[in-house]
Amino acid sequence: MQAEDLEKLVTWEMPFGKYKGRVLADLPGHYLNWFARKGFPPGEIGRLLALLQEMDHNGLKPLLNPLRRNTYSPK
């Protein structure tokens, strides 16, 4: 795992499937577990999903919260 991987988890969107368009860090645990059972896709997206599943399984997803971009912009 690289530090950049954590940034990717909070910025990259799921490129396909039921949760297409959702930020990877927001994918539900049951979906990540499904990939763990069926097999992660090849390439970087599969590697990131495997990392996220491991984080979710071990209760570490809240560690990503400080990395999330603040979408609120005051007027």
Protein backbone atom coordinates (compact mmCIF):
# COMPACT_ATOMS: atom_id res chain seq x y z
CA MET A 1 0.00 0.00 0.00
CA GLN A 2 1.14 3.49 -0.88
CA ALA A 3 -0.01 6.71 0.78
CA GLU A 4 -1.47 7.71 -2.60
CA ASP A 5 -3.75 4.67 -2.45
CA LEU A 6 -5.65 6.15 0.49
CA GLU A 7 -6.18 9.38 -1.45
CA LYS A 8 -7.48 7.37 -4.41
CA LEU A 9 -10.00 5.59 -2.17
CA VAL A 10 -11.64 8.92 -1.28
CA THR A 11 -11.47 10.49 -4.75
CA TRP A 12 -11.94 7.75 -7.35
CA GLU A 13 -15.44 6.76 -8.40
CA MET A 14 -16.54 3.19 -9.01
CA PRO A 15 -16.34 2.82 -12.82
CA PHE A 16 -18.92 0.03 -13.25
CA GLY A 17 -21.62 -2.06 -11.65
CA LYS A 18 -24.42 -1.41 -9.21
CA TYR A 19 -22.55 1.41 -7.47
CA LYS A 20 -21.11 3.08 -10.58
CA GLY A 21 -20.27 6.72 -9.84
CA ARG A 22 -19.99 6.26 -6.06
CA VAL A 23 -16.68 7.17 -4.41
CA LEU A 24 -14.81 3.97 -3.60
CA ALA A 25 -14.61 4.75 0.13
CA ASP A 26 -18.43 4.92 0.19
CA LEU A 27 -18.99 1.42 -1.17
CA PRO A 28 -20.89 -0.78 1.28
CA GLY A 29 -19.12 -3.62 3.06
CA HIS A 30 -21.39 -6.30 1.63
CA TYR A 31 -20.40 -5.24 -1.90
CA LEU A 32 -16.70 -5.36 -1.02
CA ASN A 33 -17.20 -8.78 0.56
CA TRP A 34 -18.91 -9.99 -2.60
CA PHE A 35 -15.78 -9.06 -4.57
CA ALA A 36 -13.64 -10.83 -1.98
CA ARG A 37 -15.66 -14.02 -2.55
CA LYS A 38 -16.02 -13.78 -6.34
CA GLY A 39 -12.67 -12.19 -7.19
CA PHE A 40 -11.54 -8.60 -7.52
CA PRO A 41 -11.26 -7.14 -11.03
CA PRO A 42 -7.81 -6.98 -12.57
CA GLY A 43 -5.61 -3.91 -12.41
CA GLU A 44 -5.45 -0.97 -10.08
CA ILE A 45 -9.18 -0.83 -9.39
CA GLY A 46 -9.11 -4.41 -8.13
CA ARG A 47 -6.10 -3.68 -5.95
CA LEU A 48 -7.84 -0.64 -4.46
CA LEU A 49 -11.07 -2.56 -3.86
CA ALA A 50 -9.10 -5.32 -2.12
CA LEU A 51 -7.41 -2.73 0.09
CA LEU A 52 -10.75 -1.13 0.91
CA GLN A 53 -12.33 -4.50 1.71
CA GLU A 54 -9.48 -5.27 4.11
CA MET A 55 -9.90 -1.86 5.77
CA ASP A 56 -13.67 -2.36 6.05
CA HIS A 57 -13.29 -5.89 7.42
CA ASN A 58 -10.94 -4.62 10.13
CA GLY A 59 -13.03 -1.55 11.01
CA LEU A 60 -10.50 0.90 9.60
CA LYS A 61 -12.63 2.78 7.05
CA PRO A 62 -13.13 5.72 9.46
CA LEU A 63 -9.41 6.44 9.06
CA LEU A 64 -10.24 7.70 5.56
CA ASN A 65 -12.53 10.47 6.86
CA PRO A 66 -9.79 13.10 7.38
CA LEU A 67 -8.73 12.61 3.74
CA ARG A 68 -12.14 13.40 2.31
CA ARG A 69 -12.48 16.73 0.57
CA ASN A 70 -14.82 19.21 2.19
CA THR A 71 -17.66 19.71 -0.28
CA TYR A 72 -19.22 22.53 1.72
CA SER A 73 -18.31 25.99 0.47
CA PRO A 74 -19.69 28.94 2.42
CA LYS A 75 -21.18 31.84 0.46
